[in-house]
N, C-alpha and C. Protein backbone atom coordinates (compact mmCIF):
# COMPACT_ATOMS: atom_id res chain seq x y z
N MET A 1 9.41 -16.64 20.76
CA MET A 1 9.47 -13.93 20.11
C MET A 1 8.44 -14.07 19.55
N PRO A 2 8.23 -12.58 20.36
CA PRO A 2 6.80 -12.18 19.81
C PRO A 2 6.77 -11.39 18.78
N ILE A 3 5.77 -11.35 17.74
CA ILE A 3 6.40 -10.68 16.23
C ILE A 3 5.25 -9.58 16.84
N ASN A 4 6.56 -8.57 16.05
CA ASN A 4 5.55 -7.66 16.52
C ASN A 4 5.36 -6.41 15.52
N LEU A 5 3.94 -5.60 15.47
CA LEU A 5 3.20 -5.77 14.33
C LEU A 5 2.95 -3.90 13.85
N TYR A 6 3.05 -3.58 12.85
CA TYR A 6 3.42 -2.63 12.37
C TYR A 6 2.16 -1.75 11.81
N PRO A 7 1.63 -0.20 11.19
CA PRO A 7 0.86 0.20 10.82
C PRO A 7 1.20 -0.14 9.44
N ARG A 8 0.62 -0.51 9.02
CA ARG A 8 0.64 0.08 6.92
C ARG A 8 -0.40 -0.13 6.21
N ARG A 9 -0.10 1.24 5.00
CA ARG A 9 -0.49 1.39 4.62
C ARG A 9 -1.33 1.12 2.60
N VAL A 10 -2.27 0.42 2.53
CA VAL A 10 -2.82 0.41 1.82
C VAL A 10 -4.11 0.75 0.44
N GLY A 11 -4.22 0.94 -0.41
CA GLY A 11 -4.47 1.60 -0.94
C GLY A 11 -5.99 1.32 -1.38
N LEU A 12 -6.83 1.79 -1.05
CA LEU A 12 -8.66 1.00 -1.80
C LEU A 12 -9.03 1.64 -3.06
N VAL A 13 -9.49 1.64 -3.92
CA VAL A 13 -10.60 2.32 -4.43
C VAL A 13 -12.27 2.39 -3.63
N GLY A 14 -13.05 4.17 -3.27
CA GLY A 14 -13.66 3.76 -2.68
C GLY A 14 -14.95 3.94 -3.58
N SER A 15 -15.74 3.45 -2.67
CA SER A 15 -17.43 3.37 -3.54
C SER A 15 -17.94 4.57 -4.06
N ASP A 16 -16.85 5.14 -4.78
CA ASP A 16 -17.23 6.54 -5.74
C ASP A 16 -15.98 6.47 -5.99
N CYS A 17 -15.19 5.84 -6.64
CA CYS A 17 -14.17 4.51 -7.43
C CYS A 17 -12.87 6.56 -7.14
N LYS A 18 -12.43 6.71 -6.20
CA LYS A 18 -11.95 7.68 -5.97
C LYS A 18 -11.13 6.48 -4.63
N PRO A 19 -9.74 7.34 -5.19
CA PRO A 19 -8.89 6.88 -3.85
C PRO A 19 -9.06 7.12 -2.87
N THR A 20 -8.15 5.88 -1.90
CA THR A 20 -8.94 5.97 -0.18
C THR A 20 -7.68 5.07 -0.11
N TRP A 21 -6.98 5.70 0.98
CA TRP A 21 -6.39 4.53 1.92
C TRP A 21 -6.77 4.05 3.21
N ARG A 22 -6.26 2.86 3.84
CA ARG A 22 -6.52 2.28 5.33
C ARG A 22 -4.72 2.18 5.41
N ARG A 23 -5.11 1.59 6.73
CA ARG A 23 -3.85 1.42 7.84
C ARG A 23 -4.38 -0.20 8.15
N PHE A 24 -3.73 -0.78 7.84
CA PHE A 24 -4.12 -2.51 9.34
C PHE A 24 -1.90 -2.75 9.91
N ASP A 25 -2.97 -3.29 11.42
CA ASP A 25 -1.17 -4.09 11.65
C ASP A 25 -1.26 -4.98 11.20
N ALA A 26 0.27 -4.80 10.83
CA ALA A 26 0.54 -5.86 10.11
C ALA A 26 2.18 -5.98 9.91
N TRP A 27 2.68 -7.39 9.80
CA TRP A 27 4.03 -7.72 9.96
C TRP A 27 5.01 -7.04 8.75
N HIS A 28 3.92 -7.42 7.77
CA HIS A 28 4.91 -6.85 6.25
C HIS A 28 3.34 -6.25 5.45
N ASP A 29 4.21 -5.73 4.56
CA ASP A 29 2.77 -4.74 3.48
C ASP A 29 1.83 -6.42 2.64
N GLY A 30 2.80 -7.34 2.93
CA GLY A 30 1.95 -8.65 1.92
C GLY A 30 0.47 -8.82 3.22
N GLU A 31 0.68 -9.06 4.25
CA GLU A 31 -0.45 -9.27 5.49
C GLU A 31 -0.47 -8.03 5.14
N ALA A 32 -0.98 -6.69 5.04
CA ALA A 32 -1.70 -5.82 5.28
C ALA A 32 -2.68 -6.25 3.85
N ILE A 33 -2.17 -6.73 2.84
CA ILE A 33 -2.54 -6.82 1.97
C ILE A 33 -3.56 -7.38 2.26
N SER A 34 -3.78 -9.00 3.08
CA SER A 34 -3.76 -9.54 2.83
C SER A 34 -5.67 -9.78 3.80
N ARG A 35 -4.86 -9.27 4.28
CA ARG A 35 -5.96 -7.86 6.04
C ARG A 35 -7.14 -7.87 5.39
N ALA A 36 -6.59 -6.90 4.11
CA ALA A 36 -7.72 -6.01 3.16
C ALA A 36 -8.59 -6.95 3.03
N VAL A 37 -8.34 -8.01 1.92
CA VAL A 37 -8.56 -8.45 0.41
C VAL A 37 -10.12 -9.22 1.77
N ARG A 38 -9.50 -9.58 3.33
CA ARG A 38 -10.87 -10.42 3.69
C ARG A 38 -12.15 -9.58 4.32
N GLN A 39 -10.82 -8.81 4.72
CA GLN A 39 -12.31 -7.47 5.09
C GLN A 39 -13.07 -6.92 4.84
N ILE A 40 -12.97 -6.39 3.18
CA ILE A 40 -13.39 -5.19 3.06
C ILE A 40 -13.89 -6.30 1.44
N ASP A 41 -14.93 -6.16 1.37
CA ASP A 41 -15.83 -6.80 0.84
C ASP A 41 -15.57 -5.74 -1.02
N GLY A 42 -15.00 -7.23 -1.45
CA GLY A 42 -14.72 -6.87 -3.59
C GLY A 42 -13.28 -5.67 -3.91
N ALA A 43 -12.55 -5.47 -2.20
CA ALA A 43 -12.08 -5.07 -2.17
C ALA A 43 -11.34 -4.03 -3.22
N ARG A 44 -10.81 -3.32 -4.75
CA ARG A 44 -10.12 -3.57 -5.52
C ARG A 44 -9.09 -2.24 -4.43
N PHE A 45 -7.77 -2.83 -4.73
CA PHE A 45 -6.44 -1.07 -4.95
C PHE A 45 -5.92 -0.39 -5.57
N HIS A 46 -5.44 -0.10 -5.39
CA HIS A 46 -4.83 1.40 -5.79
C HIS A 46 -3.10 1.52 -5.32
N ASN A 47 -1.91 2.45 -6.86
CA ASN A 47 -0.79 2.68 -5.96
C ASN A 47 -1.42 4.08 -5.74
N LYS A 48 -1.87 5.28 -5.62
CA LYS A 48 -1.38 6.69 -6.04
C LYS A 48 -1.33 6.83 -4.01
N GLN A 49 -0.50 8.20 -4.63
CA GLN A 49 0.33 8.35 -3.21
C GLN A 49 -1.03 9.80 -2.51
N PRO A 50 -0.96 9.66 -1.77
CA PRO A 50 -2.35 11.50 -0.78
C PRO A 50 -1.73 12.17 -1.81
N GLY A 51 -0.85 13.03 -2.57
CA GLY A 51 -0.23 13.60 -1.88
C GLY A 51 1.82 13.79 -3.57
N LYS A 52 1.98 14.93 -3.52
CA LYS A 52 3.38 14.34 -3.73
C LYS A 52 4.21 15.04 -2.88
N SER A 53 4.81 13.53 -3.06
CA SER A 53 6.04 13.33 -1.92
C SER A 53 7.18 14.90 -2.46
N VAL A 54 7.66 15.41 -1.58
CA VAL A 54 8.48 16.44 -1.69
C VAL A 54 9.74 16.62 -0.47
N TRP A 55 10.63 16.57 -1.00
CA TRP A 55 12.07 16.27 -0.28
C TRP A 55 11.97 17.55 0.90
N ASN A 56 11.69 17.64 2.18
CA ASN A 56 11.80 19.54 3.21
C ASN A 56 13.98 19.35 3.74
N GLN A 57 14.34 20.68 3.02
CA GLN A 57 16.06 19.91 3.90
C GLN A 57 15.57 20.73 5.27
N ARG A 58 14.96 21.59 5.77
CA ARG A 58 14.91 22.45 7.13
C ARG A 58 14.27 21.60 8.00
N VAL A 59 13.68 20.59 7.63
CA VAL A 59 13.37 19.54 8.92
C VAL A 59 13.71 17.58 8.08
N ARG A 60 14.68 18.00 7.37
CA ARG A 60 15.12 16.51 6.73
C ARG A 60 14.30 15.61 6.87
N ARG A 61 13.56 14.96 6.29
CA ARG A 61 12.63 14.23 5.72
C ARG A 61 11.36 15.02 4.07
N PHE A 62 11.07 13.33 4.36
CA PHE A 62 10.03 13.78 2.88
C PHE A 62 8.45 14.37 3.71
N GLN A 63 7.90 15.23 3.05
CA GLN A 63 7.04 15.58 3.06
C GLN A 63 5.34 15.37 2.03
N TYR A 64 4.09 14.95 2.18
CA TYR A 64 3.49 14.48 0.88
C TYR A 64 2.51 16.64 0.83
N ARG A 65 2.95 17.19 -0.13
CA ARG A 65 1.85 18.18 -0.21
C ARG A 65 0.95 18.00 -1.45
N CYS A 66 0.32 19.25 -1.43
CA CYS A 66 -1.92 19.64 -1.53
C CYS A 66 -0.57 19.46 -2.70
N GLU A 67 -2.28 19.36 -3.83
CA GLU A 67 -1.19 19.76 -5.32
C GLU A 67 -2.00 21.79 -5.48
N LYS A 68 -2.58 22.06 -4.79
CA LYS A 68 -2.71 23.01 -5.44
C LYS A 68 -1.83 24.29 -3.96
N HIS A 69 -1.65 24.18 -3.56
CA HIS A 69 -0.70 24.68 -2.24
C HIS A 69 0.92 23.92 -2.42
N PRO A 70 1.33 23.33 -3.21
CA PRO A 70 2.78 22.62 -2.88
C PRO A 70 3.82 23.85 -1.61
N GLY A 71 3.71 24.53 -1.14
CA GLY A 71 5.24 24.65 -0.88
C GLY A 71 4.87 24.41 0.70
N GLU A 72 5.55 24.85 1.07
CA GLU A 72 5.58 23.90 2.80
C GLU A 72 4.69 23.91 3.99
N PHE A 73 3.56 25.18 4.11
CA PHE A 73 2.68 25.00 4.25
C PHE A 73 1.21 24.36 3.80
N GLY A 74 1.42 23.85 2.55
CA GLY A 74 1.07 22.71 1.95
C GLY A 74 0.97 21.43 2.66
N SER A 75 1.85 20.42 3.14
CA SER A 75 2.37 19.65 3.81
C SER A 75 1.16 19.33 4.37
N LEU A 76 0.87 18.17 4.01
CA LEU A 76 -0.22 16.96 4.23
C LEU A 76 -0.41 16.34 5.63
N VAL A 77 -1.87 16.53 6.34
CA VAL A 77 -1.81 16.14 7.65
C VAL A 77 -2.48 14.55 7.93
N GLU A 78 -2.75 13.35 9.16
CA GLU A 78 -3.38 12.60 8.75
C GLU A 78 -4.33 12.51 10.00
N ARG A 79 -6.09 12.28 8.84
CA ARG A 79 -6.40 12.20 10.77
C ARG A 79 -7.39 10.48 10.15
N HIS A 80 -7.11 9.98 11.31
CA HIS A 80 -7.30 7.96 11.28
C HIS A 80 -8.90 8.04 11.67
N SER A 81 -8.91 7.21 11.47
CA SER A 81 -10.30 6.52 11.91
C SER A 81 -10.27 5.94 13.19
N GLU A 82 -11.24 5.05 13.35
CA GLU A 82 -11.82 4.03 14.34
C GLU A 82 -11.33 2.75 13.03
N ASP A 83 -12.16 2.66 11.64
CA ASP A 83 -11.71 1.64 10.86
C ASP A 83 -10.09 0.97 10.15
N GLY A 84 -10.66 2.34 11.17
CA GLY A 84 -8.04 1.98 9.83
C GLY A 84 -8.41 3.21 9.74
N ALA A 85 -9.79 3.82 7.94
CA ALA A 85 -9.69 4.67 7.64
C ALA A 85 -8.46 5.56 7.34
N ILE A 86 -7.33 6.37 6.66
CA ILE A 86 -6.58 7.54 6.19
C ILE A 86 -7.02 8.02 5.66
N GLN A 87 -7.10 9.64 6.48
CA GLN A 87 -7.53 10.42 5.17
C GLN A 87 -6.84 11.80 5.31
N TYR A 88 -6.14 12.35 4.46
CA TYR A 88 -4.96 13.31 4.32
C TYR A 88 -5.66 14.98 4.27
N VAL A 89 -5.70 15.66 4.69
CA VAL A 89 -5.54 17.15 4.69
C VAL A 89 -5.13 17.92 5.23
N CYS A 90 -4.91 18.90 3.60
CA CYS A 90 -4.12 19.53 3.68
C CYS A 90 -4.76 21.39 4.75
N PRO A 91 -3.31 22.20 5.39
CA PRO A 91 -4.11 22.62 6.23
C PRO A 91 -4.44 23.81 5.84
N VAL A 92 -4.28 24.46 4.74
CA VAL A 92 -4.12 25.40 3.91
C VAL A 92 -5.44 25.58 2.92
N CYS A 93 -6.33 24.06 2.95
CA CYS A 93 -7.62 23.89 2.53
C CYS A 93 -8.99 23.95 2.68
N MET A 94 -8.51 23.66 3.78
CA MET A 94 -8.64 22.67 5.29
C MET A 94 -8.29 23.68 6.70
N PRO A 95 -8.04 24.65 6.82
CA PRO A 95 -7.40 25.19 8.33
C PRO A 95 -7.88 23.95 9.95
N GLY A 96 -9.46 24.45 9.78
CA GLY A 96 -10.15 24.12 11.25
C GLY A 96 -10.25 22.84 11.27
N SER A 97 -9.89 22.14 10.20
CA SER A 97 -10.14 20.57 10.52
C SER A 97 -8.35 19.78 10.29
N ALA A 98 -7.80 20.54 10.15
CA ALA A 98 -5.77 20.47 10.38
C ALA A 98 -5.61 20.47 11.02
N LYS A 99 -6.63 20.92 12.11
CA LYS A 99 -5.66 21.83 13.89
C LYS A 99 -5.66 20.36 14.45
N GLY A 100 -4.03 20.73 14.64
CA GLY A 100 -3.79 19.24 15.96
C GLY A 100 -3.17 17.87 15.24
N LEU A 101 -4.33 16.88 14.39
CA LEU A 101 -3.07 16.33 13.18
C LEU A 101 -1.92 16.28 13.69
N PRO A 102 -1.32 14.41 13.11
CA PRO A 102 -0.45 14.65 12.58
C PRO A 102 0.75 15.03 11.21
N GLU A 103 1.57 15.14 11.35
CA GLU A 103 1.92 14.74 10.13
C GLU A 103 1.93 13.90 9.33
N ALA A 104 1.70 14.48 8.12
CA ALA A 104 1.52 12.71 7.15
C ALA A 104 2.86 11.88 7.19
N HIS A 105 2.66 10.44 7.07
CA HIS A 105 4.10 9.52 7.33
C HIS A 105 3.80 9.68 5.78
N VAL A 106 5.30 9.40 5.15
CA VAL A 106 5.55 8.94 3.59
C VAL A 106 5.88 7.80 3.28
N CYS A 107 5.12 6.89 2.58
CA CYS A 107 5.28 5.92 3.09
C CYS A 107 5.76 4.84 1.19
N SER A 108 5.69 4.24 0.41
CA SER A 108 5.43 3.22 -0.51
C SER A 108 4.09 3.18 -0.56
N ALA A 109 3.86 3.54 -1.80
CA ALA A 109 2.53 3.18 -2.68
C ALA A 109 2.07 1.61 -2.39
N THR A 110 0.79 2.13 -2.52
CA THR A 110 0.98 -0.25 -2.64
C THR A 110 0.63 -0.43 -4.51
N SER A 111 1.46 -1.82 -4.22
CA SER A 111 2.79 -2.10 -5.73
C SER A 111 0.86 -3.13 -6.14
N LEU A 112 1.39 -2.04 -7.82
CA LEU A 112 0.09 -2.69 -8.80
C LEU A 112 1.21 -3.66 -9.66
N SER A 113 1.71 -5.13 -10.09
CA SER A 113 2.61 -5.45 -10.98
C SER A 113 1.92 -6.32 -11.50
N SER A 114 2.65 -7.07 -12.79
CA SER A 114 2.78 -8.43 -13.17
C SER A 114 2.70 -9.06 -12.94
N PRO A 115 1.98 -10.76 -12.92
CA PRO A 115 2.40 -11.69 -12.17
C PRO A 115 4.38 -12.01 -13.07
N ASP A 116 3.94 -11.34 -14.26
CA ASP A 116 5.85 -11.58 -15.10
C ASP A 116 6.85 -11.55 -14.09
N PHE A 117 5.99 -9.70 -14.11
CA PHE A 117 7.47 -9.02 -12.69
C PHE A 117 7.47 -9.85 -11.19
N VAL A 118 6.32 -9.70 -11.01
CA VAL A 118 7.27 -10.42 -9.48
C VAL A 118 7.65 -11.42 -9.85
N ARG A 119 7.36 -12.36 -10.42
CA ARG A 119 7.96 -13.61 -10.66
C ARG A 119 9.64 -13.19 -10.97
N GLU A 120 9.94 -12.53 -11.86
CA GLU A 120 11.04 -11.96 -12.04
C GLU A 120 11.93 -11.46 -11.18
N SER A 121 11.85 -10.87 -10.75
CA SER A 121 11.87 -9.38 -9.16
C SER A 121 12.28 -10.79 -8.00
N MET A 122 11.39 -11.99 -7.70
CA MET A 122 11.60 -12.76 -6.17
C MET A 122 12.73 -13.32 -7.34
N VAL A 123 13.45 -13.68 -8.27
CA VAL A 123 13.63 -14.79 -8.57
C VAL A 123 15.29 -13.89 -8.77
N LEU A 124 15.48 -12.43 -9.52
CA LEU A 124 16.71 -12.52 -9.00
C LEU A 124 16.84 -11.30 -7.63
N THR A 125 15.77 -10.59 -6.89
CA THR A 125 16.53 -11.24 -5.46
C THR A 125 16.24 -12.23 -4.45
N GLY A 126 16.72 -13.49 -5.11
CA GLY A 126 16.67 -14.89 -4.62
C GLY A 126 15.95 -14.70 -2.88
N ALA A 127 14.01 -13.94 -2.87
CA ALA A 127 13.16 -14.37 -2.48
C ALA A 127 12.56 -15.06 -2.79
N ALA A 128 12.62 -15.92 -3.69
CA ALA A 128 11.91 -16.56 -4.24
C ALA A 128 12.64 -18.42 -4.29
N ASN A 129 14.02 -17.93 -3.50
CA ASN A 129 14.35 -19.25 -2.21
C ASN A 129 13.53 -19.90 -2.03
N HIS A 130 13.27 -19.17 -0.92
CA HIS A 130 11.66 -19.50 0.82
C HIS A 130 10.24 -19.27 0.55
N LEU A 131 10.69 -19.85 -0.92
CA LEU A 131 8.87 -20.28 -1.44
C LEU A 131 9.48 -21.31 -1.75
N THR A 132 7.43 -21.95 -1.05
CA THR A 132 7.38 -24.06 -1.02
C THR A 132 6.72 -24.25 -1.81
N GLU A 133 6.49 -25.09 -1.58
CA GLU A 133 5.59 -25.52 -3.47
C GLU A 133 3.68 -26.02 -3.60
N HIS A 134 4.07 -24.51 -2.65
CA HIS A 134 2.45 -24.38 -1.75
C HIS A 134 2.62 -22.81 -2.54
N PHE A 135 1.15 -22.62 -2.91
CA PHE A 135 1.49 -20.93 -3.49
C PHE A 135 0.77 -20.32 -2.46
N ALA A 136 1.01 -19.29 -2.89
CA ALA A 136 1.83 -17.95 -0.68
C ALA A 136 1.59 -16.86 -2.28
N PRO A 137 0.86 -16.38 -0.75
CA PRO A 137 0.10 -14.34 -2.06
C PRO A 137 1.54 -14.14 -0.96
N THR A 138 1.52 -12.39 -2.39
CA THR A 138 2.83 -11.85 -2.27
C THR A 138 2.42 -10.50 -2.13
N ALA A 139 3.64 -9.25 -1.58
CA ALA A 139 3.05 -7.63 -1.18
C ALA A 139 2.48 -7.07 -2.32
N HIS A 140 2.27 -8.14 -3.27
CA HIS A 140 1.96 -7.56 -4.85
C HIS A 140 0.46 -7.60 -5.47
N ILE A 141 0.25 -6.93 -6.21
CA ILE A 141 -1.94 -6.59 -6.47
C ILE A 141 -1.55 -7.21 -7.93
N CYS A 142 -2.19 -7.70 -7.73
CA CYS A 142 -2.91 -8.19 -9.65
C CYS A 142 -2.55 -6.88 -10.62
N ASP A 143 -1.81 -6.38 -11.46
CA ASP A 143 -2.11 -5.45 -11.83
C ASP A 143 -3.43 -5.00 -13.31
N ARG A 144 -4.52 -6.43 -13.46
CA ARG A 144 -5.00 -6.53 -14.07
C ARG A 144 -5.92 -6.29 -14.00
N CYS A 145 -7.30 -6.70 -12.42
CA CYS A 145 -8.14 -7.13 -12.11
C CYS A 145 -7.99 -5.92 -10.97
N GLN A 146 -6.87 -5.58 -10.67
CA GLN A 146 -6.25 -4.92 -8.95
C GLN A 146 -7.26 -5.53 -7.80
N HIS A 147 -7.49 -6.65 -7.18
CA HIS A 147 -8.74 -7.15 -6.90
C HIS A 147 -7.32 -8.32 -5.38
N TYR A 148 -6.93 -8.82 -5.93
CA TYR A 148 -5.80 -9.68 -5.47
C TYR A 148 -4.46 -10.16 -5.62
N ALA A 149 -4.04 -10.23 -4.23
CA ALA A 149 -2.52 -10.53 -4.16
C ALA A 149 -2.18 -11.17 -5.37
N ILE A 150 -0.97 -11.49 -6.22
CA ILE A 150 -0.04 -11.86 -7.03
C ILE A 150 0.05 -13.46 -5.66
N GLU A 151 0.11 -14.43 -6.42
CA GLU A 151 0.53 -15.62 -5.53
C GLU A 151 1.42 -15.87 -6.43
N ALA A 152 2.39 -16.75 -5.19
CA ALA A 152 3.99 -17.81 -5.58
C ALA A 152 3.86 -18.29 -5.10
N ARG A 153 4.74 -19.56 -5.79
CA ARG A 153 5.60 -20.41 -5.37
C ARG A 153 6.26 -21.55 -5.69
N LEU A 154 7.45 -22.26 -5.85
CA LEU A 154 8.58 -22.95 -6.20
C LEU A 154 7.81 -24.39 -6.26
N ARG A 155 7.66 -25.06 -7.88
CA ARG A 155 8.12 -25.90 -8.21
C ARG A 155 8.55 -26.34 -8.58
N ASN A 156 9.02 -27.46 -9.23
CA ASN A 156 10.45 -28.06 -9.85
C ASN A 156 11.41 -27.32 -9.94
N GLY A 157 11.74 -26.86 -8.85
CA GLY A 157 12.74 -25.47 -9.36
C GLY A 157 12.19 -24.45 -10.40
N ARG A 158 11.01 -24.19 -10.48
CA ARG A 158 10.55 -23.43 -10.91
C ARG A 158 9.75 -22.05 -10.42
N THR A 159 10.16 -21.60 -10.52
CA THR A 159 9.23 -19.82 -9.84
C THR A 159 7.67 -19.91 -10.38
N GLU A 160 7.45 -20.13 -9.71
CA GLU A 160 5.61 -20.45 -10.87
C GLU A 160 4.79 -18.37 -9.86
N THR A 161 4.22 -17.56 -9.86
CA THR A 161 3.66 -16.99 -10.25
C THR A 161 1.93 -16.89 -10.95
N ARG A 162 1.01 -16.67 -9.65
CA ARG A 162 -0.83 -16.06 -10.73
C ARG A 162 -1.66 -14.93 -9.41
N CYS A 163 -2.58 -14.59 -10.74
CA CYS A 163 -3.50 -14.13 -9.71
C CYS A 163 -4.48 -15.24 -9.81
N PRO A 164 -4.72 -15.25 -8.81
CA PRO A 164 -5.89 -16.11 -8.58
C PRO A 164 -7.44 -15.79 -9.05
N MET A 165 -7.55 -15.22 -9.34
CA MET A 165 -8.96 -14.06 -10.79
C MET A 165 -8.48 -14.09 -11.27
N CYS A 166 -7.12 -13.64 -12.22
CA CYS A 166 -7.74 -14.13 -14.08
C CYS A 166 -7.04 -15.20 -14.13
N ASP A 167 -5.91 -15.69 -13.86
CA ASP A 167 -5.04 -16.80 -14.46
C ASP A 167 -6.12 -18.35 -13.01
N GLY A 168 -7.33 -18.17 -12.59
CA GLY A 168 -7.52 -19.53 -11.67
C GLY A 168 -6.80 -20.58 -10.96
């Protein structure tokens, strides 16, 4: 049975310390994060959105809006680069640069969480029942170091979580 890969957005901190976003084809968000860690030396993550998410009743969907132009004309569009980088463009701020680009796809931000929160969440949702005795990365980035996915395992009936960088 073939596995379908879907574009997943990951929030990364750029070399200028500003938020950037990249798209990775992956089965789930955890795989996209793992790909980012492997492909980008020193990857550091963030949980920001490119703009304010606003419901547009006329088109019946959420849209990202420019901070300077929060009206419908300020709905952000996306420019995709060959390396997976996503640039969000406001048609009012940069009219020539936004022409012909698709409307930005609204999705969840990269999850920055504590190992304790991830453990409790996995236990409450039943996701912990699918763990093995070996640590495996989750779809949550450590909120302390912001560099690695929190790992989880089931050992002696208990769910354990850790950050491989902070908790060794």
